[in-house]
Amino acid sequence: ITSLRRDLEQPLLVLPRARLPRSASVPVEAGAGVQ
């Protein structure tokens, strides 16, 4: 339910191709309930 609420409240962010951020990995491992 929390995940659905967050998905509905945060609209899709659209950026021009020139302003797309470089991909980055986030070194965090978490349990199944962590979002």
Full PDB file with SEQRES, HELIX, SHEET, SSBOND, CRYST1, ORIGX, SCALE, CONECT and MASTER records, all heavy atoms in Angstrom:
SEQRES   1 A   35  ILE THR SER LEU ARG ARG ASP LEU GLU GLN PRO LEU LEU          
SEQRES   2 A   35  VAL LEU PRO ARG ALA ARG LEU PRO ARG SER ALA SER VAL          
SEQRES   3 A   35  PRO VAL GLU ALA GLY ALA GLY VAL GLN                          
HELIX    1 AA1 THR A    2  GLU A    9  1                                   8    
HELIX    2 AA2 ARG A   17  ARG A   19  5                                   3    
CRYST1    1.000    1.000    1.000  90.00  90.00  90.00 P 1           1          
ORIGX1      1.000000  0.000000  0.000000        0.00000                         
ORIGX2      0.000000  1.000000  0.000000        0.00000                         
ORIGX3      0.000000  0.000000  1.000000        0.00000                         
SCALE1      1.000000  0.000000  0.000000        0.00000                         
SCALE2      0.000000  1.000000  0.000000        0.00000                         
SCALE3      0.000000  0.000000  1.000000        0.00000                         
ATOM      1  N   ILE A   1       0.836  -1.201   0.000  1.00  0.00           N  
ATOM      2  CA  ILE A   1       0.000   0.000   0.000  1.00  0.00           C  
ATOM      3  C   ILE A   1       0.871   1.251   0.000  1.00  0.00           C  
ATOM      4  O   ILE A   1       0.618   2.214  -0.719  1.00  0.00           O  
ATOM      5  CB  ILE A   1      -0.953  -0.002   1.212  1.00  0.00           C  
ATOM      6  CG1 ILE A   1      -1.869  -1.216   1.166  1.00  0.00           C  
ATOM      7  CG2 ILE A   1      -1.753   1.282   1.285  1.00  0.00           C  
ATOM      8  CD1 ILE A   1      -2.771  -1.288  -0.044  1.00  0.00           C  
ATOM      9  N   THR A   2       1.936   1.241   0.787  1.00  0.00           N  
ATOM     10  CA  THR A   2       2.853   2.379   0.829  1.00  0.00           C  
ATOM     11  C   THR A   2       3.504   2.582  -0.528  1.00  0.00           C  
ATOM     12  O   THR A   2       3.642   3.707  -1.005  1.00  0.00           O  
ATOM     13  CB  THR A   2       3.930   2.158   1.905  1.00  0.00           C  
ATOM     14  OG1 THR A   2       3.286   1.934   3.147  1.00  0.00           O  
ATOM     15  CG2 THR A   2       4.836   3.362   2.023  1.00  0.00           C  
ATOM     16  N   SER A   3       3.901   1.501  -1.162  1.00  0.00           N  
ATOM     17  CA  SER A   3       4.526   1.587  -2.480  1.00  0.00           C  
ATOM     18  C   SER A   3       3.544   2.140  -3.512  1.00  0.00           C  
ATOM     19  O   SER A   3       3.898   2.995  -4.321  1.00  0.00           O  
ATOM     20  CB  SER A   3       5.019   0.204  -2.905  1.00  0.00           C  
ATOM     21  OG  SER A   3       5.595   0.263  -4.177  1.00  0.00           O  
ATOM     22  N   LEU A   4       2.306   1.676  -3.479  1.00  0.00           N  
ATOM     23  CA  LEU A   4       1.287   2.182  -4.403  1.00  0.00           C  
ATOM     24  C   LEU A   4       1.044   3.664  -4.177  1.00  0.00           C  
ATOM     25  O   LEU A   4       0.981   4.443  -5.126  1.00  0.00           O  
ATOM     26  CB  LEU A   4      -0.021   1.407  -4.231  1.00  0.00           C  
ATOM     27  CG  LEU A   4      -1.199   1.944  -5.027  1.00  0.00           C  
ATOM     28  CD1 LEU A   4      -0.951   1.781  -6.532  1.00  0.00           C  
ATOM     29  CD2 LEU A   4      -2.486   1.262  -4.613  1.00  0.00           C  
ATOM     30  N   ARG A   5       0.941   4.084  -2.917  1.00  0.00           N  
ATOM     31  CA  ARG A   5       0.718   5.499  -2.612  1.00  0.00           C  
ATOM     32  C   ARG A   5       1.849   6.357  -3.149  1.00  0.00           C  
ATOM     33  O   ARG A   5       1.638   7.378  -3.769  1.00  0.00           O  
ATOM     34  CB  ARG A   5       0.585   5.699  -1.094  1.00  0.00           C  
ATOM     35  CG  ARG A   5       0.409   7.180  -0.712  1.00  0.00           C  
ATOM     36  CD  ARG A   5       0.715   7.439   0.739  1.00  0.00           C  
ATOM     37  NE  ARG A   5       1.974   6.942   1.203  1.00  0.00           N  
ATOM     38  CZ  ARG A   5       3.161   7.548   1.006  1.00  0.00           C  
ATOM     39  NH1 ARG A   5       3.235   8.655   0.324  1.00  0.00           N  
ATOM     40  NH2 ARG A   5       4.272   7.024   1.486  1.00  0.00           N  
ATOM     41  N   ARG A   6       3.096   5.898  -2.931  1.00  0.00           N  
ATOM     42  CA  ARG A   6       4.251   6.653  -3.412  1.00  0.00           C  
ATOM     43  C   ARG A   6       4.240   6.742  -4.940  1.00  0.00           C  
ATOM     44  O   ARG A   6       4.493   7.800  -5.511  1.00  0.00           O  
ATOM     45  CB  ARG A   6       5.537   5.996  -2.927  1.00  0.00           C  
ATOM     46  CG  ARG A   6       6.772   6.797  -3.301  1.00  0.00           C  
ATOM     47  CD  ARG A   6       8.053   6.036  -3.063  1.00  0.00           C  
ATOM     48  NE  ARG A   6       8.123   4.927  -3.993  1.00  0.00           N  
ATOM     49  CZ  ARG A   6       8.297   3.660  -3.648  1.00  0.00           C  
ATOM     50  NH1 ARG A   6       8.410   3.311  -2.406  1.00  0.00           N  
ATOM     51  NH2 ARG A   6       8.345   2.726  -4.557  1.00  0.00           N  
ATOM     52  N   ASP A   7       3.928   5.652  -5.604  1.00  0.00           N  
ATOM     53  CA  ASP A   7       3.894   5.656  -7.067  1.00  0.00           C  
ATOM     54  C   ASP A   7       2.836   6.607  -7.600  1.00  0.00           C  
ATOM     55  O   ASP A   7       3.021   7.240  -8.639  1.00  0.00           O  
ATOM     56  CB  ASP A   7       3.646   4.246  -7.599  1.00  0.00           C  
ATOM     57  CG  ASP A   7       4.814   3.314  -7.339  1.00  0.00           C  
ATOM     58  OD1 ASP A   7       5.926   3.817  -7.028  1.00  0.00           O  
ATOM     59  OD2 ASP A   7       4.622   2.097  -7.448  1.00  0.00           O  
ATOM     60  N   LEU A   8       1.716   6.723  -6.906  1.00  0.00           N  
ATOM     61  CA  LEU A   8       0.640   7.608  -7.362  1.00  0.00           C  
ATOM     62  C   LEU A   8       0.944   9.075  -7.065  1.00  0.00           C  
ATOM     63  O   LEU A   8       0.540   9.959  -7.805  1.00  0.00           O  
ATOM     64  CB  LEU A   8      -0.684   7.213  -6.708  1.00  0.00           C  
ATOM     65  CG  LEU A   8      -1.229   5.857  -7.123  1.00  0.00           C  
ATOM     66  CD1 LEU A   8      -2.449   5.503  -6.287  1.00  0.00           C  
ATOM     67  CD2 LEU A   8      -1.567   5.827  -8.601  1.00  0.00           C  
ATOM     68  N   GLU A   9       1.643   9.349  -5.967  1.00  0.00           N  
ATOM     69  CA  GLU A   9       1.926  10.729  -5.576  1.00  0.00           C  
ATOM     70  C   GLU A   9       3.105  11.341  -6.313  1.00  0.00           C  
ATOM     71  O   GLU A   9       3.186  12.553  -6.439  1.00  0.00           O  
ATOM     72  CB  GLU A   9       2.189  10.807  -4.072  1.00  0.00           C  
ATOM     73  CG  GLU A   9       0.956  10.625  -3.242  1.00  0.00           C  
ATOM     74  CD  GLU A   9       1.261  10.696  -1.764  1.00  0.00           C  
ATOM     75  OE1 GLU A   9       2.439  10.798  -1.385  1.00  0.00           O  
ATOM     76  OE2 GLU A   9       0.306  10.647  -0.982  1.00  0.00           O  
ATOM     77  N   GLN A  10       4.048  10.525  -6.747  1.00  0.00           N  
ATOM     78  CA  GLN A  10       5.233  11.046  -7.407  1.00  0.00           C  
ATOM     79  C   GLN A  10       5.099  10.856  -8.909  1.00  0.00           C  
ATOM     80  O   GLN A  10       5.208   9.737  -9.404  1.00  0.00           O  
ATOM     81  CB  GLN A  10       6.481  10.337  -6.901  1.00  0.00           C  
ATOM     82  CG  GLN A  10       6.742  10.616  -5.450  1.00  0.00           C  
ATOM     83  CD  GLN A  10       7.995   9.917  -4.950  1.00  0.00           C  
ATOM     84  OE1 GLN A  10       8.605   9.131  -5.651  1.00  0.00           O  
ATOM     85  NE2 GLN A  10       8.367  10.208  -3.731  1.00  0.00           N  
ATOM     86  N   PRO A  11       4.838  11.935  -9.627  1.00  0.00           N  
ATOM     87  CA  PRO A  11       4.675  11.807 -11.073  1.00  0.00           C  
ATOM     88  C   PRO A  11       5.986  11.430 -11.759  1.00  0.00           C  
ATOM     89  O   PRO A  11       7.074  11.619 -11.207  1.00  0.00           O  
ATOM     90  CB  PRO A  11       4.221  13.201 -11.511  1.00  0.00           C  
ATOM     91  CG  PRO A  11       4.766  14.107 -10.463  1.00  0.00           C  
ATOM     92  CD  PRO A  11       4.764  13.314  -9.181  1.00  0.00           C  
ATOM     93  N   LEU A  12       5.858  10.902 -12.953  1.00  0.00           N  
ATOM     94  CA  LEU A  12       7.015  10.548 -13.758  1.00  0.00           C  
ATOM     95  C   LEU A  12       7.803  11.807 -14.083  1.00  0.00           C  
ATOM     96  O   LEU A  12       7.245  12.824 -14.489  1.00  0.00           O  
ATOM     97  CB  LEU A  12       6.546   9.870 -15.045  1.00  0.00           C  
ATOM     98  CG  LEU A  12       7.628   9.452 -16.031  1.00  0.00           C  
ATOM     99  CD1 LEU A  12       8.496   8.369 -15.408  1.00  0.00           C  
ATOM    100  CD2 LEU A  12       6.995   8.931 -17.301  1.00  0.00           C  
ATOM    101  N   LEU A  13       9.102  11.770 -13.894  1.00  0.00           N  
ATOM    102  CA  LEU A  13       9.968  12.911 -14.187  1.00  0.00           C  
ATOM    103  C   LEU A  13      10.519  12.759 -15.596  1.00  0.00           C  
ATOM    104  O   LEU A  13      11.175  11.774 -15.907  1.00  0.00           O  
ATOM    105  CB  LEU A  13      11.118  12.960 -13.175  1.00  0.00           C  
ATOM    106  CG  LEU A  13      12.126  14.087 -13.342  1.00  0.00           C  
ATOM    107  CD1 LEU A  13      11.442  15.440 -13.187  1.00  0.00           C  
ATOM    108  CD2 LEU A  13      13.237  13.938 -12.328  1.00  0.00           C  
ATOM    109  N   VAL A  14      10.239  13.721 -16.451  1.00  0.00           N  
ATOM    110  CA  VAL A  14      10.688  13.683 -17.836  1.00  0.00           C  
ATOM    111  C   VAL A  14      11.756  14.752 -18.022  1.00  0.00           C  
ATOM    112  O   VAL A  14      11.534  15.918 -17.731  1.00  0.00           O  
ATOM    113  CB  VAL A  14       9.517  13.939 -18.816  1.00  0.00           C  
ATOM    114  CG1 VAL A  14      10.002  13.917 -20.239  1.00  0.00           C  
ATOM    115  CG2 VAL A  14       8.417  12.924 -18.591  1.00  0.00           C  
ATOM    116  N   LEU A  15      12.952  14.326 -18.492  1.00  0.00           N  
ATOM    117  CA  LEU A  15      14.061  15.243 -18.712  1.00  0.00           C  
ATOM    118  C   LEU A  15      14.519  15.159 -20.161  1.00  0.00           C  
ATOM    119  O   LEU A  15      14.456  14.085 -20.767  1.00  0.00           O  
ATOM    120  CB  LEU A  15      15.251  14.873 -17.825  1.00  0.00           C  
ATOM    121  CG  LEU A  15      15.067  14.985 -16.322  1.00  0.00           C  
ATOM    122  CD1 LEU A  15      16.273  14.406 -15.601  1.00  0.00           C  
ATOM    123  CD2 LEU A  15      14.852  16.417 -15.920  1.00  0.00           C  
ATOM    124  N   PRO A  16      14.989  16.276 -20.722  1.00  0.00           N  
ATOM    125  CA  PRO A  16      15.585  16.204 -22.059  1.00  0.00           C  
ATOM    126  C   PRO A  16      16.793  15.271 -22.034  1.00  0.00           C  
ATOM    127  O   PRO A  16      17.461  15.139 -21.013  1.00  0.00           O  
ATOM    128  CB  PRO A  16      16.019  17.638 -22.342  1.00  0.00           C  
ATOM    129  CG  PRO A  16      15.322  18.479 -21.339  1.00  0.00           C  
ATOM    130  CD  PRO A  16      14.996  17.614 -20.167  1.00  0.00           C  
ATOM    131  N   ARG A  17      17.072  14.635 -23.142  1.00  0.00           N  
ATOM    132  CA  ARG A  17      18.158  13.662 -23.200  1.00  0.00           C  
ATOM    133  C   ARG A  17      19.499  14.248 -22.742  1.00  0.00           C  
ATOM    134  O   ARG A  17      20.288  13.593 -22.092  1.00  0.00           O  
ATOM    135  CB  ARG A  17      18.273  13.121 -24.622  1.00  0.00           C  
ATOM    136  CG  ARG A  17      19.307  12.037 -24.757  1.00  0.00           C  
ATOM    137  CD  ARG A  17      19.302  11.466 -26.162  1.00  0.00           C  
ATOM    138  NE  ARG A  17      20.374  10.533 -26.335  1.00  0.00           N  
ATOM    139  CZ  ARG A  17      20.268   9.235 -26.163  1.00  0.00           C  
ATOM    140  NH1 ARG A  17      19.115   8.728 -25.798  1.00  0.00           N  
ATOM    141  NH2 ARG A  17      21.295   8.441 -26.358  1.00  0.00           N  
ATOM    142  N   ALA A  18      19.752  15.497 -23.054  1.00  0.00           N  
ATOM    143  CA  ALA A  18      21.023  16.128 -22.689  1.00  0.00           C  
ATOM    144  C   ALA A  18      21.169  16.289 -21.177  1.00  0.00           C  
ATOM    145  O   ALA A  18      22.267  16.394 -20.675  1.00  0.00           O  
ATOM    146  CB  ALA A  18      21.145  17.485 -23.365  1.00  0.00           C  
ATOM    147  N   ARG A  19      20.071  16.296 -20.432  1.00  0.00           N  
ATOM    148  CA  ARG A  19      20.135  16.514 -18.988  1.00  0.00           C  
ATOM    149  C   ARG A  19      19.976  15.232 -18.181  1.00  0.00           C  
ATOM    150  O   ARG A  19      19.838  15.274 -16.974  1.00  0.00           O  
ATOM    151  CB  ARG A  19      19.043  17.486 -18.573  1.00  0.00           C  
ATOM    152  CG  ARG A  19      19.331  18.896 -19.069  1.00  0.00           C  
ATOM    153  CD  ARG A  19      18.331  19.900 -18.558  1.00  0.00           C  
ATOM    154  NE  ARG A  19      18.081  19.769 -17.143  1.00  0.00           N  
ATOM    155  CZ  ARG A  19      16.945  20.120 -16.561  1.00  0.00           C  
ATOM    156  NH1 ARG A  19      15.956  20.611 -17.263  1.00  0.00           N  
ATOM    157  NH2 ARG A  19      16.777  19.975 -15.269  1.00  0.00           N  
ATOM    158  N   LEU A  20      19.969  14.082 -18.835  1.00  0.00           N  
ATOM    159  CA  LEU A  20      19.819  12.834 -18.106  1.00  0.00           C  
ATOM    160  C   LEU A  20      21.042  12.591 -17.226  1.00  0.00           C  
ATOM    161  O   LEU A  20      22.168  12.761 -17.667  1.00  0.00           O  
ATOM    162  CB  LEU A  20      19.649  11.655 -19.069  1.00  0.00           C  
ATOM    163  CG  LEU A  20      18.329  11.588 -19.823  1.00  0.00           C  
ATOM    164  CD1 LEU A  20      18.350  10.417 -20.797  1.00  0.00           C  
ATOM    165  CD2 LEU A  20      17.179  11.423 -18.856  1.00  0.00           C  
ATOM    166  N   PRO A  21      20.818  12.203 -15.980  1.00  0.00           N  
ATOM    167  CA  PRO A  21      21.968  11.927 -15.108  1.00  0.00           C  
ATOM    168  C   PRO A  21      22.655  10.632 -15.512  1.00  0.00           C  
ATOM    169  O   PRO A  21      22.044   9.743 -16.080  1.00  0.00           O  
ATOM    170  CB  PRO A  21      21.322  11.790 -13.723  1.00  0.00           C  
ATOM    171  CG  PRO A  21      19.913  11.406 -14.004  1.00  0.00           C  
ATOM    172  CD  PRO A  21      19.552  12.054 -15.325  1.00  0.00           C  
ATOM    173  N   ARG A  22      23.952  10.571 -15.248  1.00  0.00           N  
ATOM    174  CA  ARG A  22      24.668   9.319 -15.483  1.00  0.00           C  
ATOM    175  C   ARG A  22      24.162   8.273 -14.510  1.00  0.00           C  
ATOM    176  O   ARG A  22      23.782   8.594 -13.396  1.00  0.00           O  
ATOM    177  CB  ARG A  22      26.157   9.520 -15.272  1.00  0.00           C  
ATOM    178  CG  ARG A  22      26.793  10.265 -16.414  1.00  0.00           C  
ATOM    179  CD  ARG A  22      28.277  10.246 -16.230  1.00  0.00           C  
ATOM    180  NE  ARG A  22      28.672  11.588 -15.821  1.00  0.00           N  
ATOM    181  CZ  ARG A  22      29.857  11.918 -15.410  1.00  0.00           C  
ATOM    182  NH1 ARG A  22      30.795  11.025 -15.317  1.00  0.00           N  
ATOM    183  NH2 ARG A  22      30.132  13.149 -15.078  1.00  0.00           N  
ATOM    184  N   SER A  23      24.167   7.034 -14.939  1.00  0.00           N  
ATOM    185  CA  SER A  23      23.691   5.984 -14.048  1.00  0.00           C  
ATOM    186  C   SER A  23      24.683   5.808 -12.904  1.00  0.00           C  
ATOM    187  O   SER A  23      25.878   6.027 -13.053  1.00  0.00           O  
ATOM    188  CB  SER A  23      23.516   4.676 -14.805  1.00  0.00           C  
ATOM    189  OG  SER A  23      24.762   4.241 -15.298  1.00  0.00           O  
ATOM    190  N   ALA A  24      24.157   5.433 -11.763  1.00  0.00           N  
ATOM    191  CA  ALA A  24      24.994   5.210 -10.591  1.00  0.00           C  
ATOM    192  C   ALA A  24      24.420   4.045  -9.816  1.00  0.00           C  
ATOM    193  O   ALA A  24      23.212   3.875  -9.750  1.00  0.00           O  
ATOM    194  CB  ALA A  24      25.009   6.462  -9.715  1.00  0.00           C  
ATOM    195  N   SER A  25      25.274   3.239  -9.266  1.00  0.00           N  
ATOM    196  CA  SER A  25      24.782   2.152  -8.431  1.00  0.00           C  
ATOM    197  C   SER A  25      24.753   2.639  -6.986  1.00  0.00           C  
ATOM    198  O   SER A  25      25.570   3.464  -6.575  1.00  0.00           O  
ATOM    199  CB  SER A  25      25.673   0.924  -8.570  1.00  0.00           C  
ATOM    200  OG  SER A  25      26.972   1.220  -8.109  1.00  0.00           O  
ATOM    201  N   VAL A  26      23.802   2.154  -6.244  1.00  0.00           N  
ATOM    202  CA  VAL A  26      23.649   2.526  -4.845  1.00  0.00           C  
ATOM    203  C   VAL A  26      24.007   1.301  -4.017  1.00  0.00           C  
ATOM    204  O   VAL A  26      23.293   0.311  -4.039  1.00  0.00           O  
ATOM    205  CB  VAL A  26      22.207   2.989  -4.552  1.00  0.00           C  
ATOM    206  CG1 VAL A  26      22.064   3.364  -3.099  1.00  0.00           C  
ATOM    207  CG2 VAL A  26      21.837   4.148  -5.447  1.00  0.00           C  
ATOM    208  N   PRO A  27      25.135   1.335  -3.307  1.00  0.00           N  
ATOM    209  CA  PRO A  27      25.599   0.165  -2.564  1.00  0.00           C  
ATOM    210  C   PRO A  27      24.867  -0.029  -1.240  1.00  0.00           C  
ATOM    211  O   PRO A  27      25.424   0.177  -0.169  1.00  0.00           O  
ATOM    212  CB  PRO A  27      27.082   0.462  -2.344  1.00  0.00           C  
ATOM    213  CG  PRO A  27      27.145   1.953  -2.278  1.00  0.00           C  
ATOM    214  CD  PRO A  27      26.073   2.441  -3.221  1.00  0.00           C  
ATOM    215  N   VAL A  28      23.576  -0.388  -1.315  1.00  0.00           N  
ATOM    216  CA  VAL A  28      22.772  -0.631  -0.123  1.00  0.00           C  
ATOM    217  C   VAL A  28      22.019  -1.943  -0.315  1.00  0.00           C  
ATOM    218  O   VAL A  28      21.371  -2.137  -1.340  1.00  0.00           O  
ATOM    219  CB  VAL A  28      21.753   0.513   0.118  1.00  0.00           C  
ATOM    220  CG1 VAL A  28      20.847   0.209   1.285  1.00  0.00           C  
ATOM    221  CG2 VAL A  28      22.461   1.832   0.328  1.00  0.00           C  
ATOM    222  N   GLU A  29      22.130  -2.845   0.658  1.00  0.00           N  
ATOM    223  CA  GLU A  29      21.340  -4.066   0.672  1.00  0.00           C  
ATOM    224  C   GLU A  29      20.344  -3.930   1.806  1.00  0.00           C  
ATOM    225  O   GLU A  29      20.706  -3.516   2.901  1.00  0.00           O  
ATOM    226  CB  GLU A  29      22.221  -5.288   0.918  1.00  0.00           C  
ATOM    227  CG  GLU A  29      23.203  -5.576  -0.182  1.00  0.00           C  
ATOM    228  CD  GLU A  29      24.079  -6.776   0.185  1.00  0.00           C  
ATOM    229  OE1 GLU A  29      23.597  -7.688   0.874  1.00  0.00           O  
ATOM    230  OE2 GLU A  29      25.240  -6.760  -0.217  1.00  0.00           O  
ATOM    231  N   ALA A  30      19.087  -4.292   1.535  1.00  0.00           N  
ATOM    232  CA  ALA A  30      18.061  -4.111   2.562  1.00  0.00           C  
ATOM    233  C   ALA A  30      17.068  -5.259   2.517  1.00  0.00           C  
ATOM    234  O   ALA A  30      16.952  -5.964   1.518  1.00  0.00           O  
ATOM    235  CB  ALA A  30      17.345  -2.786   2.337  1.00  0.00           C  
ATOM    236  N   GLY A  31      16.330  -5.416   3.621  1.00  0.00           N  
ATOM    237  CA  GLY A  31      15.297  -6.429   3.707  1.00  0.00           C  
ATOM    238  C   GLY A  31      14.146  -6.127   2.759  1.00  0.00           C  
ATOM    239  O   GLY A  31      14.049  -5.045   2.184  1.00  0.00           O  
ATOM    240  N   ALA A  32      13.253  -7.102   2.628  1.00  0.00           N  
ATOM    241  CA  ALA A  32      12.150  -6.993   1.673  1.00  0.00           C  
ATOM    242  C   ALA A  32      11.195  -5.842   1.976  1.00  0.00           C  
ATOM    243  O   ALA A  32      10.577  -5.298   1.075  1.00  0.00           O  
ATOM    244  CB  ALA A  32      11.374  -8.307   1.636  1.00  0.00           C  
ATOM    245  N   GLY A  33      11.081  -5.439   3.239  1.00  0.00           N  
ATOM    246  CA  GLY A  33      10.156  -4.379   3.591  1.00  0.00           C  
ATOM    247  C   GLY A  33      10.711  -2.982   3.423  1.00  0.00           C  
ATOM    248  O   GLY A  33      10.005  -2.002   3.602  1.00  0.00           O  
ATOM    249  N   VAL A  34      11.977  -2.855   3.053  1.00  0.00           N  
ATOM    250  CA  VAL A  34      12.615  -1.539   2.943  1.00  0.00           C  
ATOM    251  C   VAL A  34      12.462  -1.012   1.517  1.00  0.00           C  
ATOM    252  O   VAL A  34      12.721  -1.723   0.560  1.00  0.00           O  
ATOM    253  CB  VAL A  34      14.108  -1.603   3.336  1.00  0.00           C  
ATOM    254  CG1 VAL A  34      14.780  -0.255   3.148  1.00  0.00           C  
ATOM    255  CG2 VAL A  34      14.249  -2.069   4.771  1.00  0.00           C  
ATOM    256  N   GLN A  35      12.019   0.235   1.408  1.00  0.00           N  
ATOM    257  CA  GLN A  35      11.810   0.863   0.105  1.00  0.00           C  
ATOM    258  C   GLN A  35      12.693   2.091  -0.041  1.00  0.00           C  
ATOM    259  O   GLN A  35      12.872   2.845   0.911  1.00  0.00           O  
ATOM    260  CB  GLN A  35      10.351   1.285  -0.054  1.00  0.00           C  
ATOM    261  CG  GLN A  35       9.389   0.142   0.016  1.00  0.00           C  
ATOM    262  CD  GLN A  35       7.950   0.618  -0.065  1.00  0.00           C  
ATOM    263  OE1 GLN A  35       7.675   1.803  -0.223  1.00  0.00           O  
ATOM    264  NE2 GLN A  35       7.037  -0.306   0.053  1.00  0.00           N  
TER     265      GLN A  35                                                      
MASTER        0    0    0    2    0    0    0    6  264    1    0    3          
END                                                                             
